[in-house]
Amino acid sequence: MGKKPKIRITLVDKKSNGYCSHGHKYGDTFDFDTERGKLCPLAMHALFPMINILRYGGRLPGDDGNSGLYCCPDANIINIFKVEKIEDI
């Protein structure tokens, strides 16, 4: 297997007016390889299966298979993250 693709995680929406206990805000973006430690552990736990699918050659359900929207499990805030595979240039 070759080099694993880059994964970008972006906070694109939220479904409540509450405050994220980890301090995430709309537009926050994380590189999985270098910044995963900055992401809330609850969100990371929810996103990790989709990240693994993309990093090891799988496709996510949806339009292009290379990205998807997933929720943080904190019911008081419900942050929506976009997980996307970034193709090597």
C-alpha atoms as a PDB file:
ATOM      1  CA  MET A   1       0.000   0.000   0.000  1.00  0.00           C
ATOM      2  CA  GLY A   2       1.255   3.478  -0.893  1.00  0.00           C
ATOM      3  CA  LYS A   3       1.190   6.685   1.041  1.00  0.00           C
ATOM      4  CA  LYS A   4      -2.022   7.300   2.981  1.00  0.00           C
ATOM      5  CA  PRO A   5      -4.099  10.254   1.734  1.00  0.00           C
ATOM      6  CA  LYS A   6      -4.416  13.434   3.760  1.00  0.00           C
ATOM      7  CA  ILE A   7      -7.640  13.874   5.735  1.00  0.00           C
ATOM      8  CA  ARG A   8      -9.116  17.290   6.502  1.00  0.00           C
ATOM      9  CA  ILE A   9     -11.746  17.747   9.228  1.00  0.00           C
ATOM     10  CA  THR A  10     -13.777  20.979   9.200  1.00  0.00           C
ATOM     11  CA  LEU A  11     -16.520  22.191  11.537  1.00  0.00           C
ATOM     12  CA  VAL A  12     -19.217  23.254   9.055  1.00  0.00           C
ATOM     13  CA  ASP A  13     -22.383  23.646  11.158  1.00  0.00           C
ATOM     14  CA  LYS A  14     -23.951  23.129  14.569  1.00  0.00           C
ATOM     15  CA  LYS A  15     -27.501  22.292  15.554  1.00  0.00           C
ATOM     16  CA  SER A  16     -27.882  24.139  18.857  1.00  0.00           C
ATOM     17  CA  ASN A  17     -27.063  27.473  20.418  1.00  0.00           C
ATOM     18  CA  GLY A  18     -24.929  25.860  23.096  1.00  0.00           C
ATOM     19  CA  TYR A  19     -21.216  26.352  23.615  1.00  0.00           C
ATOM     20  CA  CYS A  20     -18.806  23.596  22.624  1.00  0.00           C
ATOM     21  CA  SER A  21     -17.030  22.460  25.795  1.00  0.00           C
ATOM     22  CA  HIS A  22     -13.821  21.995  23.784  1.00  0.00           C
ATOM     23  CA  GLY A  23     -14.089  25.482  22.260  1.00  0.00           C
ATOM     24  CA  HIS A  24     -14.591  24.472  18.618  1.00  0.00           C
ATOM     25  CA  LYS A  25     -16.147  27.123  16.375  1.00  0.00           C
ATOM     26  CA  TYR A  26     -17.628  27.222  12.886  1.00  0.00           C
ATOM     27  CA  GLY A  27     -14.841  27.066  10.319  1.00  0.00           C
ATOM     28  CA  ASP A  28     -12.241  25.313  12.494  1.00  0.00           C
ATOM     29  CA  THR A  29     -10.169  23.009  10.300  1.00  0.00           C
ATOM     30  CA  PHE A  30      -7.826  20.215  11.339  1.00  0.00           C
ATOM     31  CA  ASP A  31      -5.275  18.133   9.463  1.00  0.00           C
ATOM     32  CA  PHE A  32      -5.697  14.589  10.759  1.00  0.00           C
ATOM     33  CA  ASP A  33      -1.985  13.774  10.591  1.00  0.00           C
ATOM     34  CA  THR A  34      -0.660  16.863  12.366  1.00  0.00           C
ATOM     35  CA  GLU A  35      -3.557  18.333  14.384  1.00  0.00           C
ATOM     36  CA  ARG A  36      -5.755  15.458  15.528  1.00  0.00           C
ATOM     37  CA  GLY A  37      -4.777  16.140  19.144  1.00  0.00           C
ATOM     38  CA  LYS A  38      -6.531  19.523  18.923  1.00  0.00           C
ATOM     39  CA  LEU A  39      -9.870  17.882  18.121  1.00  0.00           C
ATOM     40  CA  CYS A  40     -12.308  17.118  20.920  1.00  0.00           C
ATOM     41  CA  PRO A  41     -11.996  13.452  21.984  1.00  0.00           C
ATOM     42  CA  LEU A  42     -15.777  12.954  21.680  1.00  0.00           C
ATOM     43  CA  ALA A  43     -15.750  14.196  18.089  1.00  0.00           C
ATOM     44  CA  MET A  44     -12.592  12.233  17.258  1.00  0.00           C
ATOM     45  CA  HIS A  45     -14.218   9.055  18.555  1.00  0.00           C
ATOM     46  CA  ALA A  46     -17.237   9.614  16.290  1.00  0.00           C
ATOM     47  CA  LEU A  47     -15.190  10.578  13.204  1.00  0.00           C
ATOM     48  CA  PHE A  48     -12.429   7.976  13.417  1.00  0.00           C
ATOM     49  CA  PRO A  49     -14.278   5.138  11.631  1.00  0.00           C
ATOM     50  CA  MET A  50     -14.936   7.376   8.596  1.00  0.00           C
ATOM     51  CA  ILE A  51     -11.340   8.607   8.613  1.00  0.00           C
ATOM     52  CA  ASN A  52     -10.078   5.017   8.581  1.00  0.00           C
ATOM     53  CA  ILE A  53     -12.378   4.130   5.692  1.00  0.00           C
ATOM     54  CA  LEU A  54     -10.929   6.976   3.606  1.00  0.00           C
ATOM     55  CA  ARG A  55      -7.302   6.380   4.603  1.00  0.00           C
ATOM     56  CA  TYR A  56      -7.380   2.713   3.667  1.00  0.00           C
ATOM     57  CA  GLY A  57      -9.025   2.959   0.256  1.00  0.00           C
ATOM     58  CA  GLY A  58     -12.729   2.788   1.076  1.00  0.00           C
ATOM     59  CA  ARG A  59     -15.518   5.119   0.034  1.00  0.00           C
ATOM     60  CA  LEU A  60     -18.047   6.873   2.229  1.00  0.00           C
ATOM     61  CA  PRO A  61     -21.759   6.802   1.399  1.00  0.00           C
ATOM     62  CA  GLY A  62     -22.858   9.919  -0.447  1.00  0.00           C
ATOM     63  CA  ASP A  63     -22.105  11.961  -3.510  1.00  0.00           C
ATOM     64  CA  ASP A  64     -18.437  11.393  -4.286  1.00  0.00           C
ATOM     65  CA  GLY A  65     -17.373   8.861  -1.638  1.00  0.00           C
ATOM     66  CA  ASN A  66     -14.427  11.051  -0.618  1.00  0.00           C
ATOM     67  CA  SER A  67     -16.210  13.180   1.991  1.00  0.00           C
ATOM     68  CA  GLY A  68     -19.131  13.155   4.379  1.00  0.00           C
ATOM     69  CA  LEU A  69     -20.833  15.072   7.187  1.00  0.00           C
ATOM     70  CA  TYR A  70     -20.871  13.599  10.703  1.00  0.00           C
ATOM     71  CA  CYS A  71     -22.105  14.783  14.106  1.00  0.00           C
ATOM     72  CA  CYS A  72     -20.349  15.234  17.377  1.00  0.00           C
ATOM     73  CA  PRO A  73     -22.100  13.004  19.952  1.00  0.00           C
ATOM     74  CA  ASP A  74     -22.560  15.876  22.459  1.00  0.00           C
ATOM     75  CA  ALA A  75     -26.344  16.387  22.346  1.00  0.00           C
ATOM     76  CA  ASN A  76     -26.007  19.831  23.927  1.00  0.00           C
ATOM     77  CA  ILE A  77     -24.130  21.251  20.926  1.00  0.00           C
ATOM     78  CA  ILE A  78     -24.231  18.770  17.996  1.00  0.00           C
ATOM     79  CA  ASN A  79     -21.307  20.096  15.959  1.00  0.00           C
ATOM     80  CA  ILE A  80     -21.337  18.937  12.341  1.00  0.00           C
ATOM     81  CA  PHE A  81     -17.943  18.047  10.902  1.00  0.00           C
ATOM     82  CA  LYS A  82     -17.003  17.463   7.282  1.00  0.00           C
ATOM     83  CA  VAL A  83     -14.437  14.703   6.851  1.00  0.00           C
ATOM     84  CA  GLU A  84     -12.735  14.730   3.473  1.00  0.00           C
ATOM     85  CA  LYS A  85      -9.926  12.959   1.709  1.00  0.00           C
ATOM     86  CA  ILE A  86      -7.513  15.395   0.109  1.00  0.00           C
ATOM     87  CA  GLU A  87      -6.046  13.970  -3.066  1.00  0.00           C
ATOM     88  CA  ASP A  88      -2.301  14.263  -3.547  1.00  0.00           C
ATOM     89  CA  ILE A  89      -1.403  16.938  -6.072  1.00  0.00           C
END
